[in-house]
Amino acid sequence: RGDEVLAERIEAIGAKTYELCTFLTD
């Protein structure tokens, strides 16, 4: 939808967003 700024924000926050099992083990 042409929003590169939003895409980069999602990727940055997503890198620190975890599913519970992954957070616990990793």
mmCIF file of all heavy atoms, coordinates in Angstrom:
data_MODEL
# 
_entry.id   MODEL 
# 
loop_
_atom_site.group_PDB 
_atom_site.id 
_atom_site.type_symbol 
_atom_site.label_atom_id 
_atom_site.label_alt_id 
_atom_site.label_comp_id 
_atom_site.label_asym_id 
_atom_site.label_entity_id 
_atom_site.label_seq_id 
_atom_site.pdbx_PDB_ins_code 
_atom_site.Cartn_x 
_atom_site.Cartn_y 
_atom_site.Cartn_z 
_atom_site.occupancy 
_atom_site.B_iso_or_equiv 
_atom_site.pdbx_formal_charge 
_atom_site.auth_seq_id 
_atom_site.auth_comp_id 
_atom_site.auth_asym_id 
_atom_site.auth_atom_id 
_atom_site.pdbx_PDB_model_num 
ATOM 1   N N   . ARG A 1 1  ? 0.816  -1.215  0.000  1.00 0.00 ? 1  ARG A N   1 
ATOM 2   C CA  . ARG A 1 1  ? 0.000  0.000   0.000  1.00 0.00 ? 1  ARG A CA  1 
ATOM 3   C C   . ARG A 1 1  ? 0.855  1.273   0.000  1.00 0.00 ? 1  ARG A C   1 
ATOM 4   O O   . ARG A 1 1  ? 0.352  2.362   0.217  1.00 0.00 ? 1  ARG A O   1 
ATOM 5   C CB  . ARG A 1 1  ? -0.943 -0.001  1.215  1.00 0.00 ? 1  ARG A CB  1 
ATOM 6   C CG  . ARG A 1 1  ? -2.089 -1.025  1.074  1.00 0.00 ? 1  ARG A CG  1 
ATOM 7   C CD  . ARG A 1 1  ? -2.918 -0.713  -0.171 1.00 0.00 ? 1  ARG A CD  1 
ATOM 8   N NE  . ARG A 1 1  ? -4.032 -1.623  -0.365 1.00 0.00 ? 1  ARG A NE  1 
ATOM 9   C CZ  . ARG A 1 1  ? -4.036 -2.647  -1.197 1.00 0.00 ? 1  ARG A CZ  1 
ATOM 10  N NH1 . ARG A 1 1  ? -2.943 -2.933  -1.905 1.00 0.00 ? 1  ARG A NH1 1 
ATOM 11  N NH2 . ARG A 1 1  ? -5.100 -3.414  -1.335 1.00 0.00 ? 1  ARG A NH2 1 
ATOM 12  N N   . GLY A 1 2  ? 2.145  1.117   -0.290 1.00 0.00 ? 2  GLY A N   1 
ATOM 13  C CA  . GLY A 1 2  ? 3.011  2.274   -0.524 1.00 0.00 ? 2  GLY A CA  1 
ATOM 14  C C   . GLY A 1 2  ? 3.479  3.006   0.713  1.00 0.00 ? 2  GLY A C   1 
ATOM 15  O O   . GLY A 1 2  ? 3.912  4.162   0.630  1.00 0.00 ? 2  GLY A O   1 
ATOM 16  N N   . ASP A 1 3  ? 3.438  2.357   1.879  1.00 0.00 ? 3  ASP A N   1 
ATOM 17  C CA  . ASP A 1 3  ? 3.849  3.017   3.121  1.00 0.00 ? 3  ASP A CA  1 
ATOM 18  C C   . ASP A 1 3  ? 5.128  2.362   3.632  1.00 0.00 ? 3  ASP A C   1 
ATOM 19  O O   . ASP A 1 3  ? 5.096  1.478   4.489  1.00 0.00 ? 3  ASP A O   1 
ATOM 20  C CB  . ASP A 1 3  ? 2.741  2.940   4.164  1.00 0.00 ? 3  ASP A CB  1 
ATOM 21  C CG  . ASP A 1 3  ? 2.945  3.893   5.321  1.00 0.00 ? 3  ASP A CG  1 
ATOM 22  O OD1 . ASP A 1 3  ? 4.114  4.228   5.607  1.00 0.00 ? 3  ASP A OD1 1 
ATOM 23  O OD2 . ASP A 1 3  ? 1.944  4.296   5.951  1.00 0.00 ? 3  ASP A OD2 1 
ATOM 24  N N   . GLU A 1 4  ? 6.285  2.809   3.111  1.00 0.00 ? 4  GLU A N   1 
ATOM 25  C CA  . GLU A 1 4  ? 7.564  2.231   3.495  1.00 0.00 ? 4  GLU A CA  1 
ATOM 26  C C   . GLU A 1 4  ? 7.910  2.536   4.948  1.00 0.00 ? 4  GLU A C   1 
ATOM 27  O O   . GLU A 1 4  ? 8.505  1.715   5.640  1.00 0.00 ? 4  GLU A O   1 
ATOM 28  C CB  . GLU A 1 4  ? 8.666  2.753   2.574  1.00 0.00 ? 4  GLU A CB  1 
ATOM 29  C CG  . GLU A 1 4  ? 10.064 2.235   2.890  1.00 0.00 ? 4  GLU A CG  1 
ATOM 30  C CD  . GLU A 1 4  ? 10.180 0.727   2.727  1.00 0.00 ? 4  GLU A CD  1 
ATOM 31  O OE1 . GLU A 1 4  ? 9.418  0.125   1.933  1.00 0.00 ? 4  GLU A OE1 1 
ATOM 32  O OE2 . GLU A 1 4  ? 11.040 0.136   3.417  1.00 0.00 ? 4  GLU A OE2 1 
ATOM 33  N N   . VAL A 1 5  ? 7.538  3.719   5.420  1.00 0.00 ? 5  VAL A N   1 
ATOM 34  C CA  . VAL A 1 5  ? 7.822  4.085   6.807  1.00 0.00 ? 5  VAL A CA  1 
ATOM 35  C C   . VAL A 1 5  ? 7.123  3.116   7.770  1.00 0.00 ? 5  VAL A C   1 
ATOM 36  O O   . VAL A 1 5  ? 7.718  2.624   8.729  1.00 0.00 ? 5  VAL A O   1 
ATOM 37  C CB  . VAL A 1 5  ? 7.402  5.533   7.097  1.00 0.00 ? 5  VAL A CB  1 
ATOM 38  C CG1 . VAL A 1 5  ? 7.523  5.841   8.590  1.00 0.00 ? 5  VAL A CG1 1 
ATOM 39  C CG2 . VAL A 1 5  ? 8.241  6.504   6.284  1.00 0.00 ? 5  VAL A CG2 1 
ATOM 40  N N   . LEU A 1 6  ? 5.849  2.843   7.494  1.00 0.00 ? 6  LEU A N   1 
ATOM 41  C CA  . LEU A 1 6  ? 5.109  1.897   8.332  1.00 0.00 ? 6  LEU A CA  1 
ATOM 42  C C   . LEU A 1 6  ? 5.735  0.512   8.261  1.00 0.00 ? 6  LEU A C   1 
ATOM 43  O O   . LEU A 1 6  ? 5.870  -0.170  9.281  1.00 0.00 ? 6  LEU A O   1 
ATOM 44  C CB  . LEU A 1 6  ? 3.647  1.841   7.902  1.00 0.00 ? 6  LEU A CB  1 
ATOM 45  C CG  . LEU A 1 6  ? 2.758  0.853   8.665  1.00 0.00 ? 6  LEU A CG  1 
ATOM 46  C CD1 . LEU A 1 6  ? 2.687  1.210   10.148 1.00 0.00 ? 6  LEU A CD1 1 
ATOM 47  C CD2 . LEU A 1 6  ? 1.353  0.802   8.057  1.00 0.00 ? 6  LEU A CD2 1 
ATOM 48  N N   . ALA A 1 7  ? 6.130  0.093   7.055  1.00 0.00 ? 7  ALA A N   1 
ATOM 49  C CA  . ALA A 1 7  ? 6.747  -1.228  6.896  1.00 0.00 ? 7  ALA A CA  1 
ATOM 50  C C   . ALA A 1 7  ? 8.005  -1.355  7.748  1.00 0.00 ? 7  ALA A C   1 
ATOM 51  O O   . ALA A 1 7  ? 8.218  -2.371  8.420  1.00 0.00 ? 7  ALA A O   1 
ATOM 52  C CB  . ALA A 1 7  ? 7.078  -1.475  5.428  1.00 0.00 ? 7  ALA A CB  1 
ATOM 53  N N   . GLU A 1 8  ? 8.825  -0.319  7.752  1.00 0.00 ? 8  GLU A N   1 
ATOM 54  C CA  . GLU A 1 8  ? 10.063 -0.364  8.530  1.00 0.00 ? 8  GLU A CA  1 
ATOM 55  C C   . GLU A 1 8  ? 9.779  -0.348  10.029 1.00 0.00 ? 8  GLU A C   1 
ATOM 56  O O   . GLU A 1 8  ? 10.482 -1.007  10.809 1.00 0.00 ? 8  GLU A O   1 
ATOM 57  C CB  . GLU A 1 8  ? 10.956 0.802   8.138  1.00 0.00 ? 8  GLU A CB  1 
ATOM 58  C CG  . GLU A 1 8  ? 11.504 0.675   6.714  1.00 0.00 ? 8  GLU A CG  1 
ATOM 59  C CD  . GLU A 1 8  ? 12.334 1.877   6.287  1.00 0.00 ? 8  GLU A CD  1 
ATOM 60  O OE1 . GLU A 1 8  ? 12.484 2.815   7.102  1.00 0.00 ? 8  GLU A OE1 1 
ATOM 61  O OE2 . GLU A 1 8  ? 12.838 1.869   5.149  1.00 0.00 ? 8  GLU A OE2 1 
ATOM 62  N N   . ARG A 1 9  ? 8.757  0.368   10.445 1.00 0.00 ? 9  ARG A N   1 
ATOM 63  C CA  . ARG A 1 9  ? 8.378  0.377   11.867 1.00 0.00 ? 9  ARG A CA  1 
ATOM 64  C C   . ARG A 1 9  ? 7.888  -1.011  12.289 1.00 0.00 ? 9  ARG A C   1 
ATOM 65  O O   . ARG A 1 9  ? 8.226  -1.498  13.374 1.00 0.00 ? 9  ARG A O   1 
ATOM 66  C CB  . ARG A 1 9  ? 7.292  1.417   12.121 1.00 0.00 ? 9  ARG A CB  1 
ATOM 67  C CG  . ARG A 1 9  ? 7.756  2.855   12.005 1.00 0.00 ? 9  ARG A CG  1 
ATOM 68  C CD  . ARG A 1 9  ? 6.582  3.812   12.085 1.00 0.00 ? 9  ARG A CD  1 
ATOM 69  N NE  . ARG A 1 9  ? 6.033  3.925   13.431 1.00 0.00 ? 9  ARG A NE  1 
ATOM 70  C CZ  . ARG A 1 9  ? 4.827  4.412   13.707 1.00 0.00 ? 9  ARG A CZ  1 
ATOM 71  N NH1 . ARG A 1 9  ? 4.024  4.797   12.717 1.00 0.00 ? 9  ARG A NH1 1 
ATOM 72  N NH2 . ARG A 1 9  ? 4.404  4.504   14.962 1.00 0.00 ? 9  ARG A NH2 1 
ATOM 73  N N   . ILE A 1 10 ? 7.073  -1.644  11.440 1.00 0.00 ? 10 ILE A N   1 
ATOM 74  C CA  . ILE A 1 10 ? 6.589  -2.990  11.752 1.00 0.00 ? 10 ILE A CA  1 
ATOM 75  C C   . ILE A 1 10 ? 7.752  -3.957  11.893 1.00 0.00 ? 10 ILE A C   1 
ATOM 76  O O   . ILE A 1 10 ? 7.808  -4.774  12.820 1.00 0.00 ? 10 ILE A O   1 
ATOM 77  C CB  . ILE A 1 10 ? 5.605  -3.476  10.668 1.00 0.00 ? 10 ILE A CB  1 
ATOM 78  C CG1 . ILE A 1 10 ? 4.329  -2.639  10.683 1.00 0.00 ? 10 ILE A CG1 1 
ATOM 79  C CG2 . ILE A 1 10 ? 5.279  -4.958  10.861 1.00 0.00 ? 10 ILE A CG2 1 
ATOM 80  C CD1 . ILE A 1 10 ? 3.419  -2.885  9.513  1.00 0.00 ? 10 ILE A CD1 1 
ATOM 81  N N   . GLU A 1 11 ? 8.711  -3.887  10.980 1.00 0.00 ? 11 GLU A N   1 
ATOM 82  C CA  . GLU A 1 11 ? 9.864  -4.794  11.032 1.00 0.00 ? 11 GLU A CA  1 
ATOM 83  C C   . GLU A 1 11 ? 10.702 -4.563  12.288 1.00 0.00 ? 11 GLU A C   1 
ATOM 84  O O   . GLU A 1 11 ? 11.170 -5.518  12.921 1.00 0.00 ? 11 GLU A O   1 
ATOM 85  C CB  . GLU A 1 11 ? 10.716 -4.612  9.779  1.00 0.00 ? 11 GLU A CB  1 
ATOM 86  C CG  . GLU A 1 11 ? 10.055 -5.161  8.526  1.00 0.00 ? 11 GLU A CG  1 
ATOM 87  C CD  . GLU A 1 11 ? 10.815 -4.841  7.259  1.00 0.00 ? 11 GLU A CD  1 
ATOM 88  O OE1 . GLU A 1 11 ? 11.573 -3.847  7.242  1.00 0.00 ? 11 GLU A OE1 1 
ATOM 89  O OE2 . GLU A 1 11 ? 10.638 -5.580  6.270  1.00 0.00 ? 11 GLU A OE2 1 
ATOM 90  N N   . ALA A 1 12 ? 10.895 -3.299  12.660 1.00 0.00 ? 12 ALA A N   1 
ATOM 91  C CA  . ALA A 1 12 ? 11.706 -2.992  13.839 1.00 0.00 ? 12 ALA A CA  1 
ATOM 92  C C   . ALA A 1 12 ? 11.044 -3.497  15.117 1.00 0.00 ? 12 ALA A C   1 
ATOM 93  O O   . ALA A 1 12 ? 11.697 -4.113  15.975 1.00 0.00 ? 12 ALA A O   1 
ATOM 94  C CB  . ALA A 1 12 ? 11.946 -1.487  13.923 1.00 0.00 ? 12 ALA A CB  1 
ATOM 95  N N   . ILE A 1 13 ? 9.743  -3.252  15.237 1.00 0.00 ? 13 ILE A N   1 
ATOM 96  C CA  . ILE A 1 13 ? 9.026  -3.720  16.430 1.00 0.00 ? 13 ILE A CA  1 
ATOM 97  C C   . ILE A 1 13 ? 8.876  -5.239  16.390 1.00 0.00 ? 13 ILE A C   1 
ATOM 98  O O   . ILE A 1 13 ? 8.997  -5.914  17.415 1.00 0.00 ? 13 ILE A O   1 
ATOM 99  C CB  . ILE A 1 13 ? 7.658  -3.032  16.535 1.00 0.00 ? 13 ILE A CB  1 
ATOM 100 C CG1 . ILE A 1 13 ? 7.839  -1.520  16.674 1.00 0.00 ? 13 ILE A CG1 1 
ATOM 101 C CG2 . ILE A 1 13 ? 6.860  -3.577  17.718 1.00 0.00 ? 13 ILE A CG2 1 
ATOM 102 C CD1 . ILE A 1 13 ? 6.576  -0.721  16.496 1.00 0.00 ? 13 ILE A CD1 1 
ATOM 103 N N   . GLY A 1 14 ? 8.623  -5.781  15.195 1.00 0.00 ? 14 GLY A N   1 
ATOM 104 C CA  . GLY A 1 14 ? 8.483  -7.225  15.046 1.00 0.00 ? 14 GLY A CA  1 
ATOM 105 C C   . GLY A 1 14 ? 9.730  -7.987  15.474 1.00 0.00 ? 14 GLY A C   1 
ATOM 106 O O   . GLY A 1 14 ? 9.648  -9.116  15.970 1.00 0.00 ? 14 GLY A O   1 
ATOM 107 N N   . ALA A 1 15 ? 10.901 -7.369  15.309 1.00 0.00 ? 15 ALA A N   1 
ATOM 108 C CA  . ALA A 1 15 ? 12.150 -8.017  15.712 1.00 0.00 ? 15 ALA A CA  1 
ATOM 109 C C   . ALA A 1 15 ? 12.230 -8.191  17.217 1.00 0.00 ? 15 ALA A C   1 
ATOM 110 O O   . ALA A 1 15 ? 13.012 -9.013  17.714 1.00 0.00 ? 15 ALA A O   1 
ATOM 111 C CB  . ALA A 1 15 ? 13.337 -7.198  15.212 1.00 0.00 ? 15 ALA A CB  1 
ATOM 112 N N   . LYS A 1 16 ? 11.424 -7.434  17.962 1.00 0.00 ? 16 LYS A N   1 
ATOM 113 C CA  . LYS A 1 16 ? 11.389 -7.548  19.414 1.00 0.00 ? 16 LYS A CA  1 
ATOM 114 C C   . LYS A 1 16 ? 10.055 -8.092  19.911 1.00 0.00 ? 16 LYS A C   1 
ATOM 115 O O   . LYS A 1 16 ? 9.721  -7.966  21.085 1.00 0.00 ? 16 LYS A O   1 
ATOM 116 C CB  . LYS A 1 16 ? 11.676 -6.191  20.056 1.00 0.00 ? 16 LYS A CB  1 
ATOM 117 C CG  . LYS A 1 16 ? 13.088 -5.690  19.781 1.00 0.00 ? 16 LYS A CG  1 
ATOM 118 C CD  . LYS A 1 16 ? 13.472 -4.545  20.689 1.00 0.00 ? 16 LYS A CD  1 
ATOM 119 C CE  . LYS A 1 16 ? 14.943 -4.202  20.520 1.00 0.00 ? 16 LYS A CE  1 
ATOM 120 N NZ  . LYS A 1 16 ? 15.428 -3.303  21.579 1.00 0.00 ? 16 LYS A NZ  1 
ATOM 121 N N   . THR A 1 17 ? 9.295  -8.685  18.998 1.00 0.00 ? 17 THR A N   1 
ATOM 122 C CA  . THR A 1 17 ? 8.000  -9.278  19.324 1.00 0.00 ? 17 THR A CA  1 
ATOM 123 C C   . THR A 1 17 ? 8.126  -10.798 19.220 1.00 0.00 ? 17 THR A C   1 
ATOM 124 O O   . THR A 1 17 ? 8.570  -11.308 18.191 1.00 0.00 ? 17 THR A O   1 
ATOM 125 C CB  . THR A 1 17 ? 6.914  -8.768  18.370 1.00 0.00 ? 17 THR A CB  1 
ATOM 126 O OG1 . THR A 1 17 ? 6.796  -7.349  18.500 1.00 0.00 ? 17 THR A OG1 1 
ATOM 127 C CG2 . THR A 1 17 ? 5.567  -9.403  18.681 1.00 0.00 ? 17 THR A CG2 1 
ATOM 128 N N   . TYR A 1 18 ? 7.755  -11.514 20.267 1.00 0.00 ? 18 TYR A N   1 
ATOM 129 C CA  . TYR A 1 18 ? 8.008  -12.950 20.348 1.00 0.00 ? 18 TYR A CA  1 
ATOM 130 C C   . TYR A 1 18 ? 6.755  -13.747 20.692 1.00 0.00 ? 18 TYR A C   1 
ATOM 131 O O   . TYR A 1 18 ? 5.945  -13.318 21.521 1.00 0.00 ? 18 TYR A O   1 
ATOM 132 C CB  . TYR A 1 18 ? 9.040  -13.255 21.441 1.00 0.00 ? 18 TYR A CB  1 
ATOM 133 C CG  . TYR A 1 18 ? 10.392 -12.655 21.217 1.00 0.00 ? 18 TYR A CG  1 
ATOM 134 C CD1 . TYR A 1 18 ? 10.680 -11.373 21.697 1.00 0.00 ? 18 TYR A CD1 1 
ATOM 135 C CD2 . TYR A 1 18 ? 11.389 -13.343 20.546 1.00 0.00 ? 18 TYR A CD2 1 
ATOM 136 C CE1 . TYR A 1 18 ? 11.928 -10.801 21.507 1.00 0.00 ? 18 TYR A CE1 1 
ATOM 137 C CE2 . TYR A 1 18 ? 12.643 -12.787 20.350 1.00 0.00 ? 18 TYR A CE2 1 
ATOM 138 C CZ  . TYR A 1 18 ? 12.904 -11.518 20.823 1.00 0.00 ? 18 TYR A CZ  1 
ATOM 139 O OH  . TYR A 1 18 ? 14.146 -10.956 20.632 1.00 0.00 ? 18 TYR A OH  1 
ATOM 140 N N   . GLU A 1 19 ? 6.622  -14.886 20.074 1.00 0.00 ? 19 GLU A N   1 
ATOM 141 C CA  . GLU A 1 19 ? 5.701  -15.917 20.547 1.00 0.00 ? 19 GLU A CA  1 
ATOM 142 C C   . GLU A 1 19 ? 6.261  -16.443 21.867 1.00 0.00 ? 19 GLU A C   1 
ATOM 143 O O   . GLU A 1 19 ? 7.476  -16.492 22.083 1.00 0.00 ? 19 GLU A O   1 
ATOM 144 C CB  . GLU A 1 19 ? 5.600  -17.020 19.491 1.00 0.00 ? 19 GLU A CB  1 
ATOM 145 C CG  . GLU A 1 19 ? 4.661  -18.155 19.846 1.00 0.00 ? 19 GLU A CG  1 
ATOM 146 C CD  . GLU A 1 19 ? 5.327  -19.194 20.727 1.00 0.00 ? 19 GLU A CD  1 
ATOM 147 O OE1 . GLU A 1 19 ? 6.565  -19.334 20.660 1.00 0.00 ? 19 GLU A OE1 1 
ATOM 148 O OE2 . GLU A 1 19 ? 4.604  -19.852 21.494 1.00 0.00 ? 19 GLU A OE2 1 
ATOM 149 N N   . LEU A 1 20 ? 5.388  -16.853 22.778 1.00 0.00 ? 20 LEU A N   1 
ATOM 150 C CA  . LEU A 1 20 ? 5.789  -17.188 24.134 1.00 0.00 ? 20 LEU A CA  1 
ATOM 151 C C   . LEU A 1 20 ? 6.886  -18.252 24.199 1.00 0.00 ? 20 LEU A C   1 
ATOM 152 O O   . LEU A 1 20 ? 7.891  -18.066 24.904 1.00 0.00 ? 20 LEU A O   1 
ATOM 153 C CB  . LEU A 1 20 ? 4.572  -17.670 24.935 1.00 0.00 ? 20 LEU A CB  1 
ATOM 154 C CG  . LEU A 1 20 ? 4.849  -18.132 26.366 1.00 0.00 ? 20 LEU A CG  1 
ATOM 155 C CD1 . LEU A 1 20 ? 5.409  -17.000 27.211 1.00 0.00 ? 20 LEU A CD1 1 
ATOM 156 C CD2 . LEU A 1 20 ? 3.583  -18.714 26.981 1.00 0.00 ? 20 LEU A CD2 1 
ATOM 157 N N   . CYS A 1 21 ? 6.725  -19.375 23.513 1.00 0.00 ? 21 CYS A N   1 
ATOM 158 C CA  . CYS A 1 21 ? 7.718  -20.445 23.596 1.00 0.00 ? 21 CYS A CA  1 
ATOM 159 C C   . CYS A 1 21 ? 9.085  -19.985 23.101 1.00 0.00 ? 21 CYS A C   1 
ATOM 160 O O   . CYS A 1 21 ? 10.122 -20.324 23.685 1.00 0.00 ? 21 CYS A O   1 
ATOM 161 C CB  . CYS A 1 21 ? 7.261  -21.669 22.797 1.00 0.00 ? 21 CYS A CB  1 
ATOM 162 S SG  . CYS A 1 21 ? 5.805  -22.495 23.464 1.00 0.00 ? 21 CYS A SG  1 
ATOM 163 N N   . THR A 1 22 ? 9.095  -19.208 22.020 1.00 0.00 ? 22 THR A N   1 
ATOM 164 C CA  . THR A 1 22 ? 10.354 -18.686 21.489 1.00 0.00 ? 22 THR A CA  1 
ATOM 165 C C   . THR A 1 22 ? 11.010 -17.740 22.482 1.00 0.00 ? 22 THR A C   1 
ATOM 166 O O   . THR A 1 22 ? 12.231 -17.764 22.680 1.00 0.00 ? 22 THR A O   1 
ATOM 167 C CB  . THR A 1 22 ? 10.111 -17.962 20.158 1.00 0.00 ? 22 THR A CB  1 
ATOM 168 O OG1 . THR A 1 22 ? 9.535  -18.876 19.225 1.00 0.00 ? 22 THR A OG1 1 
ATOM 169 C CG2 . THR A 1 22 ? 11.405 -17.423 19.582 1.00 0.00 ? 22 THR A CG2 1 
ATOM 170 N N   . PHE A 1 23 ? 10.204 -16.898 23.134 1.00 0.00 ? 23 PHE A N   1 
ATOM 171 C CA  . PHE A 1 23 ? 10.768 -15.994 24.130 1.00 0.00 ? 23 PHE A CA  1 
ATOM 172 C C   . PHE A 1 23 ? 11.404 -16.774 25.270 1.00 0.00 ? 23 PHE A C   1 
ATOM 173 O O   . PHE A 1 23 ? 12.519 -16.458 25.723 1.00 0.00 ? 23 PHE A O   1 
ATOM 174 C CB  . PHE A 1 23 ? 9.689  -15.064 24.680 1.00 0.00 ? 23 PHE A CB  1 
ATOM 175 C CG  . PHE A 1 23 ? 10.201 -14.128 25.735 1.00 0.00 ? 23 PHE A CG  1 
ATOM 176 C CD1 . PHE A 1 23 ? 10.859 -12.960 25.382 1.00 0.00 ? 23 PHE A CD1 1 
ATOM 177 C CD2 . PHE A 1 23 ? 10.052 -14.428 27.075 1.00 0.00 ? 23 PHE A CD2 1 
ATOM 178 C CE1 . PHE A 1 23 ? 11.358 -12.107 26.354 1.00 0.00 ? 23 PHE A CE1 1 
ATOM 179 C CE2 . PHE A 1 23 ? 10.544 -13.587 28.061 1.00 0.00 ? 23 PHE A CE2 1 
ATOM 180 C CZ  . PHE A 1 23 ? 11.206 -12.427 27.694 1.00 0.00 ? 23 PHE A CZ  1 
ATOM 181 N N   . LEU A 1 24 ? 10.727 -17.804 25.731 1.00 0.00 ? 24 LEU A N   1 
ATOM 182 C CA  . LEU A 1 24 ? 11.233 -18.564 26.873 1.00 0.00 ? 24 LEU A CA  1 
ATOM 183 C C   . LEU A 1 24 ? 12.544 -19.267 26.544 1.00 0.00 ? 24 LEU A C   1 
ATOM 184 O O   . LEU A 1 24 ? 13.507 -19.217 27.325 1.00 0.00 ? 24 LEU A O   1 
ATOM 185 C CB  . LEU A 1 24 ? 10.189 -19.580 27.318 1.00 0.00 ? 24 LEU A CB  1 
ATOM 186 C CG  . LEU A 1 24 ? 8.894  -18.989 27.886 1.00 0.00 ? 24 LEU A CG  1 
ATOM 187 C CD1 . LEU A 1 24 ? 7.845  -20.072 28.040 1.00 0.00 ? 24 LEU A CD1 1 
ATOM 188 C CD2 . LEU A 1 24 ? 9.146  -18.286 29.218 1.00 0.00 ? 24 LEU A CD2 1 
ATOM 189 N N   . THR A 1 25 ? 12.611 -19.924 25.396 1.00 0.00 ? 25 THR A N   1 
ATOM 190 C CA  . THR A 1 25 ? 13.806 -20.696 25.053 1.00 0.00 ? 25 THR A CA  1 
ATOM 191 C C   . THR A 1 25 ? 14.946 -19.818 24.552 1.00 0.00 ? 25 THR A C   1 
ATOM 192 O O   . THR A 1 25 ? 16.113 -20.064 24.880 1.00 0.00 ? 25 THR A O   1 
ATOM 193 C CB  . THR A 1 25 ? 13.484 -21.760 23.991 1.00 0.00 ? 25 THR A CB  1 
ATOM 194 O OG1 . THR A 1 25 ? 12.954 -21.123 22.817 1.00 0.00 ? 25 THR A OG1 1 
ATOM 195 C CG2 . THR A 1 25 ? 12.474 -22.770 24.519 1.00 0.00 ? 25 THR A CG2 1 
ATOM 196 N N   . ASP A 1 26 ? 14.626 -18.781 23.768 1.00 0.00 ? 26 ASP A N   1 
ATOM 197 C CA  . ASP A 1 26 ? 15.667 -18.016 23.089 1.00 0.00 ? 26 ASP A CA  1 
ATOM 198 C C   . ASP A 1 26 ? 16.078 -16.733 23.823 1.00 0.00 ? 26 ASP A C   1 
ATOM 199 O O   . ASP A 1 26 ? 17.219 -16.296 23.685 1.00 0.00 ? 26 ASP A O   1 
ATOM 200 C CB  . ASP A 1 26 ? 15.218 -17.641 21.674 1.00 0.00 ? 26 ASP A CB  1 
ATOM 201 C CG  . ASP A 1 26 ? 15.000 -18.852 20.786 1.00 0.00 ? 26 ASP A CG  1 
ATOM 202 O OD1 . ASP A 1 26 ? 14.955 -19.983 21.300 1.00 0.00 ? 26 ASP A OD1 1 
ATOM 203 O OD2 . ASP A 1 26 ? 14.859 -18.667 19.564 1.00 0.00 ? 26 ASP A OD2 1 
# 
